[in-house]
């Protein structure tokens, strides 16, 4: 089968299309003929070699979420899964392929009316956005800033925050055109990447009750400083790299403002809770109540092009690969 692996860590040119044996599902797994493969920020971080210290090696088969039809089940898996259209989380590998395997507990049947591309755009990111807002304890009337709102996590977080009655939903983004699109999704204030004044030349709000940060990186302390007293900051990604080593000192400098900083990974949420939220969101998306944004659909062999677009900051929403 056709698959895409990391031949060499670094830029997208290090990705290679190879031919691999069709995987055999182990006990507790299903095999899926992929129709859509999500390209996520974590894929780019792995490809660059940033996570090599965590065991990722050259030759790694990228991809963590797919949609398609179950073609085989392993021992102990209900045979009725065979032939069903599903979304699945494959872990942090195995998705960039014509056939992928996933644990049965990480598989969810797709509702009628939801495309595979929409499923892999929402499946992982929607759960992160939902539980990150829970972790931040966002209450009606409070102000929230979504930093890095042009990706699939940010786009969903904007919609969910607006739906929860946030008093204001500010976003950071790189262009006026993206700002217009984010306003259409529920944003009330568009700021530049550094959190400065954005659309219409209006001054940025002085502070926020909640910050949801997909970016991280060296500018994280600037946004930490934008929290109101008793504000909560939740980092859900590090696509911009790690924060400065002294950012904890900045947090302690604001001791009397009672600020809170947290990281969030959906790995810490019980699987049944993740699946319940995901199922609800899939149904909402199928009904048009929750919107997904697919930036582009590309053939699997053009995965490097998808990664170049991500590295260049050109993606609004999610790029999807098809075999």
Foldseek 3Di string as FASTA:
>chain_A
DWFWFQQDAAALVRIDIDDDDADDAAAQKWKFQFFKFFDDLVQLCVSNVVCVVVPRDGRFGAGFKTWGATCGHYPPDPPVSHGFTWIFTADGHARLDRMGMHGPLRIDGFDPQFDRHQLSLCQFLLLLLVVLCVVQVDAAAFEEEEQPLQESNNLNNQLVSVVRHYNAYEYEDDDVVVVVVSVVSHHDAYAYNLQAHDPPRDGGDQAGQEYEYAAAAASVLSNLVRHAQNHEYEYEHHSNHHYDPCSVVSVVVPVVSNYYYYYDDCVPPPSVVSNVSSVVVSVCVSVVNGDADEQEEEESRVVSVLSVCVVVRNHRRIYMYGD
